[in-house]
Amino acid sequence: MVNNLNYIQNQQLERLHARYTGTGHPDISKHEWVTNQQRDTLSSIVGHPTLSSYMSIADGQSISRTKFNMIEAMISPAGPPPEKED
């Protein structure tokens, strides 16, 4: 019974990771984790009109310009990935 329960939990976890790429896994690097967090934050701000308005007022720009800048920042929010060590 316990093995069956573990199997079901693993299946659910795999389904969660397949559906939401930003949920992470045990082997995720710090850079990937930070990138996912920043993308989630930026997309949340862009997707909520009141947050977009607040950010545009704080930046002194139009709402559409603020959204455009945030969407562009999603391309590489944490900078280039670190070089891999062999």
Protein backbone atom coordinates (compact mmCIF):
# COMPACT_ATOMS: atom_id res chain seq x y z
CA MET A 1 0.00 0.00 0.00
CA VAL A 2 2.82 2.44 0.85
CA ASN A 3 4.60 1.74 -2.45
CA ASN A 4 1.39 2.42 -4.34
CA LEU A 5 0.95 5.71 -2.50
CA ASN A 6 4.54 6.79 -3.31
CA TYR A 7 3.99 5.88 -6.95
CA ILE A 8 0.84 8.01 -7.12
CA GLN A 9 2.58 10.94 -5.42
CA ASN A 10 5.49 10.73 -7.88
CA GLN A 11 3.07 10.72 -10.80
CA GLN A 12 1.29 13.78 -9.45
CA LEU A 13 4.61 15.56 -8.93
CA GLU A 14 5.73 14.78 -12.48
CA ARG A 15 2.40 16.06 -13.80
CA LEU A 16 2.85 19.25 -11.79
CA HIS A 17 6.37 19.81 -13.17
CA ALA A 18 5.18 19.18 -16.73
CA ARG A 19 2.33 21.67 -16.35
CA TYR A 20 4.19 24.38 -14.46
CA THR A 21 7.81 24.65 -15.58
CA GLY A 22 8.75 27.10 -12.85
CA THR A 23 8.01 24.72 -9.98
CA GLY A 24 11.58 23.45 -9.94
CA HIS A 25 13.07 20.09 -9.17
CA PRO A 26 15.88 18.78 -6.94
CA ASP A 27 18.56 19.39 -9.59
CA ILE A 28 17.61 22.98 -10.48
CA SER A 29 20.43 25.50 -10.46
CA LYS A 30 20.31 28.75 -8.54
CA HIS A 31 20.29 30.71 -11.79
CA GLU A 32 17.30 28.78 -13.15
CA TRP A 33 15.41 29.25 -9.89
CA VAL A 34 16.05 33.01 -9.80
CA THR A 35 15.09 33.31 -13.47
CA ASN A 36 11.78 31.51 -12.84
CA GLN A 37 11.03 33.68 -9.81
CA GLN A 38 11.70 36.92 -11.66
CA ARG A 39 9.67 35.84 -14.69
CA ASP A 40 6.76 34.90 -12.44
CA THR A 41 6.93 38.28 -10.71
CA LEU A 42 7.10 40.23 -13.97
CA SER A 43 4.23 38.28 -15.55
CA SER A 44 2.12 38.84 -12.44
CA ILE A 45 2.72 42.59 -12.58
CA VAL A 46 1.92 42.71 -16.31
CA GLY A 47 -1.20 40.59 -15.83
CA HIS A 48 -2.72 42.67 -13.04
CA PRO A 49 -3.84 46.12 -14.25
CA THR A 50 -3.57 47.78 -10.83
CA LEU A 51 0.01 46.61 -10.37
CA SER A 52 0.87 47.77 -13.88
CA SER A 53 -0.62 51.18 -13.12
CA TYR A 54 1.30 51.42 -9.87
CA MET A 55 4.59 50.52 -11.54
CA SER A 56 4.00 52.94 -14.43
CA ILE A 57 3.31 55.80 -12.02
CA ALA A 58 6.43 54.93 -10.03
CA ASP A 59 8.51 54.85 -13.23
CA GLY A 60 6.89 57.95 -14.71
CA GLN A 61 6.02 56.13 -17.94
CA SER A 62 2.86 55.10 -19.73
CA ILE A 63 1.29 51.79 -18.77
CA SER A 64 1.95 50.28 -22.18
CA ARG A 65 5.64 51.30 -22.08
CA THR A 66 6.01 49.79 -18.60
CA LYS A 67 4.38 46.54 -19.74
CA PHE A 68 6.59 46.44 -22.84
CA ASN A 69 9.75 46.92 -20.76
CA MET A 70 8.70 44.19 -18.34
CA ILE A 71 7.90 41.75 -21.13
CA GLU A 72 11.31 42.46 -22.68
CA ALA A 73 12.95 41.90 -19.30
CA MET A 74 11.41 38.40 -19.18
CA ILE A 75 13.78 37.26 -21.94
CA SER A 76 16.75 37.14 -19.60
CA PRO A 77 15.75 38.53 -16.21
CA ALA A 78 18.74 37.21 -14.26
CA GLY A 79 21.35 37.87 -16.92
CA PRO A 80 23.26 35.27 -18.89
CA PRO A 81 23.61 31.84 -17.32
CA PRO A 82 26.90 31.08 -15.60
CA GLU A 83 29.45 29.03 -17.46
CA LYS A 84 29.27 25.33 -16.72
CA GLU A 85 32.25 23.70 -15.11
CA ASP A 86 33.36 20.40 -16.63
